[in-house]
């Protein structure tokens, strides 16, 4: 599993994009986590391309998303 912290700078990071793509190539589930009421306006392209899930920063939501992503692998 790969957990991506989503901030206003995440979408512009080539390293984050690389990490997401490598994780997907290796069959890992990927989940984005954000603080606040909603995710940043701009997400890494892979989130739209691969329909990756984003969740609010809370233990219960993160665990539920990780379990769901793990089942899809």
PDB file of N, CA and C in Angstrom:
ATOM      1  N   UNK A   1       0.841  -1.185   0.000  1.00  0.00           N
ATOM      2  CA  UNK A   1       0.000   0.000   0.000  1.00  0.00           C
ATOM      3  C   UNK A   1       0.881   1.241   0.000  1.00  0.00           C
ATOM      4  N   UNK A   2       0.394   2.252  -0.700  1.00  0.00           N
ATOM      5  CA  UNK A   2       1.066   3.548  -0.704  1.00  0.00           C
ATOM      6  C   UNK A   2       0.049   4.593  -0.277  1.00  0.00           C
ATOM      7  N   UNK A   3       0.407   5.363   0.723  1.00  0.00           N
ATOM      8  CA  UNK A   3      -0.426   6.439   1.229  1.00  0.00           C
ATOM      9  C   UNK A   3       0.220   7.751   0.790  1.00  0.00           C
ATOM     10  N   UNK A   4      -0.522   8.598   0.076  1.00  0.00           N
ATOM     11  CA  UNK A   4       0.004   9.857  -0.454  1.00  0.00           C
ATOM     12  C   UNK A   4      -0.621  11.006   0.327  1.00  0.00           C
ATOM     13  N   UNK A   5       0.233  11.829   0.938  1.00  0.00           N
ATOM     14  CA  UNK A   5      -0.281  13.007   1.629  1.00  0.00           C
ATOM     15  C   UNK A   5      -0.538  14.081   0.579  1.00  0.00           C
ATOM     16  N   UNK A   6      -1.769  14.544   0.492  1.00  0.00           N
ATOM     17  CA  UNK A   6      -2.159  15.526  -0.514  1.00  0.00           C
ATOM     18  C   UNK A   6      -2.134  16.937   0.062  1.00  0.00           C
ATOM     19  N   UNK A   7      -1.323  17.779  -0.539  1.00  0.00           N
ATOM     20  CA  UNK A   7      -1.239  19.180  -0.144  1.00  0.00           C
ATOM     21  C   UNK A   7      -1.312  20.026  -1.415  1.00  0.00           C
ATOM     22  N   UNK A   8      -1.207  21.327  -1.263  1.00  0.00           N
ATOM     23  CA  UNK A   8      -1.254  22.209  -2.435  1.00  0.00           C
ATOM     24  C   UNK A   8      -0.040  22.016  -3.343  1.00  0.00           C
ATOM     25  N   UNK A   9       1.012  21.375  -2.851  1.00  0.00           N
ATOM     26  CA  UNK A   9       2.231  21.172  -3.645  1.00  0.00           C
ATOM     27  C   UNK A   9       2.365  19.755  -4.213  1.00  0.00           C
ATOM     28  N   UNK A  10       1.534  18.838  -3.775  1.00  0.00           N
ATOM     29  CA  UNK A  10       1.672  17.436  -4.166  1.00  0.00           C
ATOM     30  C   UNK A  10       1.546  17.234  -5.675  1.00  0.00           C
ATOM     31  N   UNK A  11       0.575  17.882  -6.305  1.00  0.00           N
ATOM     32  CA  UNK A  11       0.314  17.668  -7.732  1.00  0.00           C
ATOM     33  C   UNK A  11       1.492  18.078  -8.610  1.00  0.00           C
ATOM     34  N   UNK A  12       2.289  19.024  -8.163  1.00  0.00           N
ATOM     35  CA  UNK A  12       3.401  19.504  -8.988  1.00  0.00           C
ATOM     36  C   UNK A  12       4.705  18.750  -8.739  1.00  0.00           C
ATOM     37  N   UNK A  13       4.703  17.797  -7.840  1.00  0.00           N
ATOM     38  CA  UNK A  13       5.919  17.056  -7.527  1.00  0.00           C
ATOM     39  C   UNK A  13       6.120  15.879  -8.477  1.00  0.00           C
ATOM     40  N   UNK A  14       7.208  15.899  -9.227  1.00  0.00           N
ATOM     41  CA  UNK A  14       7.468  14.773 -10.133  1.00  0.00           C
ATOM     42  C   UNK A  14       7.785  13.508  -9.353  1.00  0.00           C
ATOM     43  N   UNK A  15       8.315  13.662  -8.144  1.00  0.00           N
ATOM     44  CA  UNK A  15       8.634  12.483  -7.336  1.00  0.00           C
ATOM     45  C   UNK A  15       7.384  11.801  -6.812  1.00  0.00           C
ATOM     46  N   UNK A  16       6.386  12.592  -6.475  1.00  0.00           N
ATOM     47  CA  UNK A  16       5.121  12.012  -6.031  1.00  0.00           C
ATOM     48  C   UNK A  16       4.481  11.259  -7.203  1.00  0.00           C
ATOM     49  N   UNK A  17       4.485  11.877  -8.383  1.00  0.00           N
ATOM     50  CA  UNK A  17       3.932  11.213  -9.570  1.00  0.00           C
ATOM     51  C   UNK A  17       4.661   9.900  -9.835  1.00  0.00           C
ATOM     52  N   UNK A  18       5.979   9.924  -9.718  1.00  0.00           N
ATOM     53  CA  UNK A  18       6.778   8.711  -9.941  1.00  0.00           C
ATOM     54  C   UNK A  18       6.408   7.637  -8.921  1.00  0.00           C
ATOM     55  N   UNK A  19       6.313   8.026  -7.662  1.00  0.00           N
ATOM     56  CA  UNK A  19       5.997   7.076  -6.588  1.00  0.00           C
ATOM     57  C   UNK A  19       4.633   6.426  -6.810  1.00  0.00           C
ATOM     58  N   UNK A  20       3.663   7.214  -7.209  1.00  0.00           N
ATOM     59  CA  UNK A  20       2.322   6.677  -7.469  1.00  0.00           C
ATOM     60  C   UNK A  20       2.364   5.684  -8.623  1.00  0.00           C
ATOM     61  N   UNK A  21       2.988   6.068  -9.724  1.00  0.00           N
ATOM     62  CA  UNK A  21       3.055   5.183 -10.895  1.00  0.00           C
ATOM     63  C   UNK A  21       3.817   3.896 -10.580  1.00  0.00           C
ATOM     64  N   UNK A  22       4.911   3.994  -9.851  1.00  0.00           N
ATOM     65  CA  UNK A  22       5.681   2.798  -9.470  1.00  0.00           C
ATOM     66  C   UNK A  22       4.850   1.890  -8.572  1.00  0.00           C
ATOM     67  N   UNK A  23       4.132   2.489  -7.652  1.00  0.00           N
ATOM     68  CA  UNK A  23       3.279   1.700  -6.759  1.00  0.00           C
ATOM     69  C   UNK A  23       2.231   0.942  -7.553  1.00  0.00           C
ATOM     70  N   UNK A  24       1.603   1.618  -8.498  1.00  0.00           N
ATOM     71  CA  UNK A  24       0.582   0.969  -9.321  1.00  0.00           C
ATOM     72  C   UNK A  24       1.185  -0.135 -10.186  1.00  0.00           C
ATOM     73  N   UNK A  25       2.357   0.104 -10.762  1.00  0.00           N
ATOM     74  CA  UNK A  25       3.038  -0.914 -11.573  1.00  0.00           C
ATOM     75  C   UNK A  25       3.315  -2.175 -10.757  1.00  0.00           C
ATOM     76  N   UNK A  26       3.598  -1.987  -9.484  1.00  0.00           N
ATOM     77  CA  UNK A  26       3.932  -3.113  -8.607  1.00  0.00           C
ATOM     78  C   UNK A  26       2.688  -3.747  -7.976  1.00  0.00           C
ATOM     79  N   UNK A  27       1.514  -3.278  -8.380  1.00  0.00           N
ATOM     80  CA  UNK A  27       0.278  -3.862  -7.884  1.00  0.00           C
ATOM     81  C   UNK A  27      -0.137  -3.390  -6.503  1.00  0.00           C
ATOM     82  N   UNK A  28       0.441  -2.284  -6.049  1.00  0.00           N
ATOM     83  CA  UNK A  28       0.080  -1.754  -4.737  1.00  0.00           C
ATOM     84  C   UNK A  28      -1.159  -0.877  -4.843  1.00  0.00           C
ATOM     85  N   UNK A  29      -1.961  -0.874  -3.796  1.00  0.00           N
ATOM     86  CA  UNK A  29      -3.074   0.058  -3.707  1.00  0.00           C
ATOM     87  C   UNK A  29      -2.540   1.426  -3.340  1.00  0.00           C
ATOM     88  N   UNK A  30      -3.190   2.494  -3.816  1.00  0.00           N
ATOM     89  CA  UNK A  30      -2.772   3.866  -3.527  1.00  0.00           C
ATOM     90  C   UNK A  30      -3.982   4.635  -3.007  1.00  0.00           C
ATOM     91  N   UNK A  31      -3.779   5.353  -1.912  1.00  0.00           N
ATOM     92  CA  UNK A  31      -4.834   6.171  -1.310  1.00  0.00           C
ATOM     93  C   UNK A  31      -4.247   7.542  -0.994  1.00  0.00           C
ATOM     94  N   UNK A  32      -4.992   8.591  -1.300  1.00  0.00           N
ATOM     95  CA  UNK A  32      -4.587   9.956  -0.965  1.00  0.00           C
ATOM     96  C   UNK A  32      -5.266  10.412   0.308  1.00  0.00           C
ATOM     97  N   UNK A  33      -4.517  11.135   1.145  1.00  0.00           N
ATOM     98  CA  UNK A  33      -5.041  11.624   2.419  1.00  0.00           C
ATOM     99  C   UNK A  33      -4.828  13.135   2.489  1.00  0.00           C
ATOM    100  N   UNK A  34      -5.848  13.860   2.913  1.00  0.00           N
ATOM    101  CA  UNK A  34      -5.763  15.314   3.014  1.00  0.00           C
ATOM    102  C   UNK A  34      -6.260  15.779   4.377  1.00  0.00           C
ATOM    103  N   UNK A  35      -5.790  16.957   4.783  1.00  0.00           N
ATOM    104  CA  UNK A  35      -6.284  17.582   6.012  1.00  0.00           C
ATOM    105  C   UNK A  35      -7.324  18.611   5.636  1.00  0.00           C
ATOM    106  N   UNK A  36      -8.233  18.891   6.542  1.00  0.00           N
ATOM    107  CA  UNK A  36      -9.262  19.890   6.287  1.00  0.00           C
ATOM    108  C   UNK A  36     -10.547  19.263   5.791  1.00  0.00           C
ATOM    109  N   UNK A  37     -11.418  20.120   5.271  1.00  0.00           N
ATOM    110  CA  UNK A  37     -12.741  19.671   4.846  1.00  0.00           C
ATOM    111  C   UNK A  37     -12.782  19.066   3.448  1.00  0.00           C
ATOM    112  N   UNK A  38     -11.822  19.413   2.600  1.00  0.00           N
ATOM    113  CA  UNK A  38     -11.813  18.870   1.234  1.00  0.00           C
ATOM    114  C   UNK A  38     -10.382  18.769   0.717  1.00  0.00           C
ATOM    115  N   UNK A  39     -10.183  17.921  -0.282  1.00  0.00           N
ATOM    116  CA  UNK A  39      -8.833  17.764  -0.834  1.00  0.00           C
ATOM    117  C   UNK A  39      -8.395  19.028  -1.567  1.00  0.00           C
ATOM    118  N   UNK A  40      -7.095  19.153  -1.832  1.00  0.00           N
ATOM    119  CA  UNK A  40      -6.617  20.308  -2.592  1.00  0.00           C
ATOM    120  C   UNK A  40      -7.318  20.379  -3.954  1.00  0.00           C
ATOM    121  N   UNK A  41      -7.384  21.572  -4.514  1.00  0.00           N
ATOM    122  CA  UNK A  41      -8.051  21.765  -5.799  1.00  0.00           C
ATOM    123  C   UNK A  41      -7.383  20.959  -6.907  1.00  0.00           C
ATOM    124  N   UNK A  42      -6.074  20.828  -6.833  1.00  0.00           N
ATOM    125  CA  UNK A  42      -5.347  20.084  -7.858  1.00  0.00           C
ATOM    126  C   UNK A  42      -4.705  18.849  -7.236  1.00  0.00           C
ATOM    127  N   UNK A  43      -4.993  17.685  -7.828  1.00  0.00           N
ATOM    128  CA  UNK A  43      -4.433  16.413  -7.373  1.00  0.00           C
ATOM    129  C   UNK A  43      -3.450  15.898  -8.418  1.00  0.00           C
ATOM    130  N   UNK A  44      -2.531  15.011  -8.029  1.00  0.00           N
ATOM    131  CA  UNK A  44      -1.679  14.385  -9.027  1.00  0.00           C
ATOM    132  C   UNK A  44      -2.554  13.724 -10.109  1.00  0.00           C
ATOM    133  N   UNK A  45      -2.104  13.786 -11.359  1.00  0.00           N
ATOM    134  CA  UNK A  45      -2.878  13.281 -12.495  1.00  0.00           C
ATOM    135  C   UNK A  45      -3.318  11.829 -12.317  1.00  0.00           C
ATOM    136  N   UNK A  46      -2.496  11.024 -11.678  1.00  0.00           N
ATOM    137  CA  UNK A  46      -2.809   9.600 -11.499  1.00  0.00           C
ATOM    138  C   UNK A  46      -4.103   9.386 -10.723  1.00  0.00           C
ATOM    139  N   UNK A  47      -4.477  10.324  -9.871  1.00  0.00           N
ATOM    140  CA  UNK A  47      -5.712  10.156  -9.092  1.00  0.00           C
ATOM    141  C   UNK A  47      -6.924  10.154 -10.007  1.00  0.00           C
ATOM    142  N   UNK A  48      -6.925  11.000 -11.019  1.00  0.00           N
ATOM    143  CA  UNK A  48      -8.019  11.006 -11.978  1.00  0.00           C
ATOM    144  C   UNK A  48      -7.922   9.859 -12.971  1.00  0.00           C
ATOM    145  N   UNK A  49      -6.720   9.592 -13.444  1.00  0.00           N
ATOM    146  CA  UNK A  49      -6.506   8.552 -14.451  1.00  0.00           C
ATOM    147  C   UNK A  49      -6.858   7.163 -13.935  1.00  0.00           C
ATOM    148  N   UNK A  50      -6.527   6.904 -12.686  1.00  0.00           N
ATOM    149  CA  UNK A  50      -6.724   5.563 -12.112  1.00  0.00           C
ATOM    150  C   UNK A  50      -7.874   5.507 -11.109  1.00  0.00           C
ATOM    151  N   UNK A  51      -8.611   6.615 -10.993  1.00  0.00           N
ATOM    152  CA  UNK A  51      -9.744   6.694 -10.054  1.00  0.00           C
ATOM    153  C   UNK A  51      -9.337   6.286  -8.639  1.00  0.00           C
ATOM    154  N   UNK A  52      -8.237   6.884  -8.174  1.00  0.00           N
ATOM    155  CA  UNK A  52      -7.731   6.584  -6.837  1.00  0.00           C
ATOM    156  C   UNK A  52      -8.549   7.334  -5.797  1.00  0.00           C
ATOM    157  N   UNK A  53      -8.715   6.729  -4.661  1.00  0.00           N
ATOM    158  CA  UNK A  53      -9.544   7.274  -3.581  1.00  0.00           C
ATOM    159  C   UNK A  53      -8.776   8.308  -2.768  1.00  0.00           C
ATOM    160  N   UNK A  54      -9.479   9.364  -2.359  1.00  0.00           N
ATOM    161  CA  UNK A  54      -8.937  10.346  -1.417  1.00  0.00           C
ATOM    162  C   UNK A  54      -9.838  10.364  -0.189  1.00  0.00           C
ATOM    163  N   UNK A  55      -9.229  10.498   0.983  1.00  0.00           N
ATOM    164  CA  UNK A  55      -9.993  10.536   2.233  1.00  0.00           C
ATOM    165  C   UNK A  55      -9.443  11.608   3.155  1.00  0.00           C
ATOM    166  N   UNK A  56     -10.295  12.034   4.048  1.00  0.00           N
ATOM    167  CA  UNK A  56      -9.926  12.997   5.079  1.00  0.00           C
ATOM    168  C   UNK A  56      -8.968  12.344   6.079  1.00  0.00           C
ATOM    169  N   UNK A  57      -8.107  13.158   6.659  1.00  0.00           N
ATOM    170  CA  UNK A  57      -7.140  12.669   7.631  1.00  0.00           C
ATOM    171  C   UNK A  57      -7.870  12.320   8.930  1.00  0.00           C
ATOM    172  N   UNK A  58      -8.264  11.062   9.047  1.00  0.00           N
ATOM    173  CA  UNK A  58      -8.830  10.540  10.291  1.00  0.00           C
ATOM    174  C   UNK A  58      -8.533   9.048  10.299  1.00  0.00           C
ATOM    175  N   UNK A  59      -8.261   8.531  11.461  1.00  0.00           N
ATOM    176  CA  UNK A  59      -7.863   7.128  11.571  1.00  0.00           C
ATOM    177  C   UNK A  59      -8.902   6.208  10.930  1.00  0.00           C
ATOM    178  N   UNK A  60     -10.157   6.412  11.263  1.00  0.00           N
ATOM    179  CA  UNK A  60     -11.213   5.530  10.759  1.00  0.00           C
ATOM    180  C   UNK A  60     -11.312   5.588   9.232  1.00  0.00           C
ATOM    181  N   UNK A  61     -11.259   6.789   8.661  1.00  0.00           N
ATOM    182  CA  UNK A  61     -11.378   6.918   7.204  1.00  0.00           C
ATOM    183  C   UNK A  61     -10.162   6.344   6.489  1.00  0.00           C
ATOM    184  N   UNK A  62      -8.985   6.570   7.038  1.00  0.00           N
ATOM    185  CA  UNK A  62      -7.765   6.024   6.425  1.00  0.00           C
ATOM    186  C   UNK A  62      -7.805   4.501   6.447  1.00  0.00           C
ATOM    187  N   UNK A  63      -8.159   3.914   7.573  1.00  0.00           N
ATOM    188  CA  UNK A  63      -8.200   2.454   7.667  1.00  0.00           C
ATOM    189  C   UNK A  63      -9.224   1.858   6.696  1.00  0.00           C
ATOM    190  N   UNK A  64     -10.385   2.471   6.591  1.00  0.00           N
ATOM    191  CA  UNK A  64     -11.422   1.988   5.682  1.00  0.00           C
ATOM    192  C   UNK A  64     -10.937   2.059   4.228  1.00  0.00           C
ATOM    193  N   UNK A  65     -10.281   3.168   3.855  1.00  0.00           N
ATOM    194  CA  UNK A  65      -9.778   3.334   2.490  1.00  0.00           C
ATOM    195  C   UNK A  65      -8.663   2.344   2.188  1.00  0.00           C
ATOM    196  N   UNK A  66      -7.777   2.122   3.147  1.00  0.00           N
ATOM    197  CA  UNK A  66      -6.682   1.169   2.943  1.00  0.00           C
ATOM    198  C   UNK A  66      -7.222  -0.254   2.766  1.00  0.00           C
ATOM    199  N   UNK A  67      -8.195  -0.606   3.560  1.00  0.00           N
ATOM    200  CA  UNK A  67      -8.795  -1.941   3.443  1.00  0.00           C
ATOM    201  C   UNK A  67      -9.463  -2.106   2.077  1.00  0.00           C
ATOM    202  N   UNK A  68     -10.169  -1.063   1.615  1.00  0.00           N
ATOM    203  CA  UNK A  68     -10.815  -1.122   0.318  1.00  0.00           C
ATOM    204  C   UNK A  68      -9.822  -1.203  -0.824  1.00  0.00           C
ATOM    205  N   UNK A  69      -8.748  -0.421  -0.756  1.00  0.00           N
ATOM    206  CA  UNK A  69      -7.726  -0.432  -1.800  1.00  0.00           C
ATOM    207  C   UNK A  69      -6.996  -1.779  -1.812  1.00  0.00           C
ATOM    208  N   UNK A  70      -6.808  -2.361  -0.652  1.00  0.00           N
ATOM    209  CA  UNK A  70      -6.125  -3.649  -0.568  1.00  0.00           C
ATOM    210  C   UNK A  70      -6.951  -4.756  -1.242  1.00  0.00           C
ATOM    211  N   UNK A  71      -8.271  -4.679  -1.106  1.00  0.00           N
ATOM    212  CA  UNK A  71      -9.151  -5.689  -1.715  1.00  0.00           C
ATOM    213  C   UNK A  71      -9.148  -5.595  -3.235  1.00  0.00           C
ATOM    214  N   UNK A  72      -8.909  -4.384  -3.774  1.00  0.00           N
ATOM    215  CA  UNK A  72      -8.941  -4.163  -5.226  1.00  0.00           C
ATOM    216  C   UNK A  72      -7.649  -4.620  -5.909  1.00  0.00           C
ATOM    217  N   UNK A  73      -6.595  -4.868  -5.158  1.00  0.00           N
ATOM    218  CA  UNK A  73      -5.312  -5.213  -5.784  1.00  0.00           C
ATOM    219  C   UNK A  73      -5.362  -6.562  -6.433  1.00  0.00           C
TER     220      UNK A  73
END
